């Protein structure tokens, strides 16, 4: 016999980001992939912000290609 389940949605929330999904070393690698100048001077706590700002400075299709090229 296959188990059956009854589910009920009790709440809906949106998540803007997943905690610790992009650690400092991955952000540093992404910035290197994006050829960010002055990477050596960026403190670890600011790497994610710099990566986001760098991607936001690009046109959306260009940023998507760069991020997907890095990720895959």
C-alpha atoms as a PDB file:
ATOM      1  CA  UNK A   1       0.000   0.000   0.000  1.00  0.00           C
ATOM      2  CA  UNK A   2       1.310   3.448  -0.909  1.00  0.00           C
ATOM      3  CA  UNK A   3       1.294   6.001   1.884  1.00  0.00           C
ATOM      4  CA  UNK A   4      -0.926   9.016   1.331  1.00  0.00           C
ATOM      5  CA  UNK A   5      -0.536  12.448   2.825  1.00  0.00           C
ATOM      6  CA  UNK A   6      -2.781  15.430   3.225  1.00  0.00           C
ATOM      7  CA  UNK A   7      -1.000  18.778   3.152  1.00  0.00           C
ATOM      8  CA  UNK A   8      -2.284  22.217   4.028  1.00  0.00           C
ATOM      9  CA  UNK A   9      -0.462  25.488   3.388  1.00  0.00           C
ATOM     10  CA  UNK A  10      -0.486  27.398   6.650  1.00  0.00           C
ATOM     11  CA  UNK A  11       1.709  30.352   5.694  1.00  0.00           C
ATOM     12  CA  UNK A  12       3.509  31.881   2.754  1.00  0.00           C
ATOM     13  CA  UNK A  13       6.706  33.864   3.158  1.00  0.00           C
ATOM     14  CA  UNK A  14       9.225  35.126   0.659  1.00  0.00           C
ATOM     15  CA  UNK A  15      12.938  34.627   1.052  1.00  0.00           C
ATOM     16  CA  UNK A  16      15.222  37.298  -0.381  1.00  0.00           C
ATOM     17  CA  UNK A  17      18.418  35.349   0.215  1.00  0.00           C
ATOM     18  CA  UNK A  18      19.643  32.081   1.603  1.00  0.00           C
ATOM     19  CA  UNK A  19      22.017  32.548   4.550  1.00  0.00           C
ATOM     20  CA  UNK A  20      25.590  31.439   3.858  1.00  0.00           C
ATOM     21  CA  UNK A  21      24.757  30.468   0.279  1.00  0.00           C
ATOM     22  CA  UNK A  22      27.654  32.520  -1.073  1.00  0.00           C
ATOM     23  CA  UNK A  23      30.612  32.307   1.311  1.00  0.00           C
ATOM     24  CA  UNK A  24      33.475  34.779   1.051  1.00  0.00           C
ATOM     25  CA  UNK A  25      35.710  32.482  -1.009  1.00  0.00           C
ATOM     26  CA  UNK A  26      32.993  31.982  -3.671  1.00  0.00           C
ATOM     27  CA  UNK A  27      32.374  35.750  -3.815  1.00  0.00           C
ATOM     28  CA  UNK A  28      36.112  36.320  -4.204  1.00  0.00           C
ATOM     29  CA  UNK A  29      36.199  33.755  -7.036  1.00  0.00           C
ATOM     30  CA  UNK A  30      33.185  35.407  -8.698  1.00  0.00           C
ATOM     31  CA  UNK A  31      34.808  38.837  -8.515  1.00  0.00           C
ATOM     32  CA  UNK A  32      37.988  37.390 -10.019  1.00  0.00           C
ATOM     33  CA  UNK A  33      35.867  35.847 -12.808  1.00  0.00           C
ATOM     34  CA  UNK A  34      34.312  39.289 -13.384  1.00  0.00           C
ATOM     35  CA  UNK A  35      37.832  40.786 -13.536  1.00  0.00           C
ATOM     36  CA  UNK A  36      37.130  43.130 -10.602  1.00  0.00           C
ATOM     37  CA  UNK A  37      40.041  45.515 -10.051  1.00  0.00           C
ATOM     38  CA  UNK A  38      41.405  45.907  -6.519  1.00  0.00           C
ATOM     39  CA  UNK A  39      40.084  42.562  -5.332  1.00  0.00           C
ATOM     40  CA  UNK A  40      43.028  42.065  -2.973  1.00  0.00           C
ATOM     41  CA  UNK A  41      41.998  45.188  -1.031  1.00  0.00           C
ATOM     42  CA  UNK A  42      38.378  44.106  -0.380  1.00  0.00           C
ATOM     43  CA  UNK A  43      37.770  42.814   3.173  1.00  0.00           C
ATOM     44  CA  UNK A  44      36.017  39.439   3.430  1.00  0.00           C
ATOM     45  CA  UNK A  45      32.933  40.975   5.075  1.00  0.00           C
ATOM     46  CA  UNK A  46      32.392  43.210   2.018  1.00  0.00           C
ATOM     47  CA  UNK A  47      32.950  40.636  -0.742  1.00  0.00           C
ATOM     48  CA  UNK A  48      29.266  39.775  -1.197  1.00  0.00           C
ATOM     49  CA  UNK A  49      28.281  43.450  -1.443  1.00  0.00           C
ATOM     50  CA  UNK A  50      30.992  44.090  -4.024  1.00  0.00           C
ATOM     51  CA  UNK A  51      29.893  41.070  -6.049  1.00  0.00           C
ATOM     52  CA  UNK A  52      26.268  42.239  -6.024  1.00  0.00           C
ATOM     53  CA  UNK A  53      27.235  45.809  -6.977  1.00  0.00           C
ATOM     54  CA  UNK A  54      29.460  44.568  -9.784  1.00  0.00           C
ATOM     55  CA  UNK A  55      26.655  42.450 -11.230  1.00  0.00           C
ATOM     56  CA  UNK A  56      24.164  45.320 -10.840  1.00  0.00           C
ATOM     57  CA  UNK A  57      26.463  47.601 -12.849  1.00  0.00           C
ATOM     58  CA  UNK A  58      26.080  45.258 -15.837  1.00  0.00           C
ATOM     59  CA  UNK A  59      23.134  44.976 -18.183  1.00  0.00           C
ATOM     60  CA  UNK A  60      20.835  42.138 -17.083  1.00  0.00           C
ATOM     61  CA  UNK A  61      21.678  39.715 -19.942  1.00  0.00           C
ATOM     62  CA  UNK A  62      25.410  40.347 -19.505  1.00  0.00           C
ATOM     63  CA  UNK A  63      25.206  39.816 -15.726  1.00  0.00           C
ATOM     64  CA  UNK A  64      23.199  36.618 -16.228  1.00  0.00           C
ATOM     65  CA  UNK A  65      25.749  35.249 -18.713  1.00  0.00           C
ATOM     66  CA  UNK A  66      28.631  36.126 -16.384  1.00  0.00           C
ATOM     67  CA  UNK A  67      27.000  34.554 -13.331  1.00  0.00           C
ATOM     68  CA  UNK A  68      25.875  31.423 -15.155  1.00  0.00           C
ATOM     69  CA  UNK A  69      29.303  31.117 -16.793  1.00  0.00           C
ATOM     70  CA  UNK A  70      30.889  31.276 -13.356  1.00  0.00           C
ATOM     71  CA  UNK A  71      28.433  28.863 -11.721  1.00  0.00           C
ATOM     72  CA  UNK A  72      28.529  26.254 -14.469  1.00  0.00           C
END
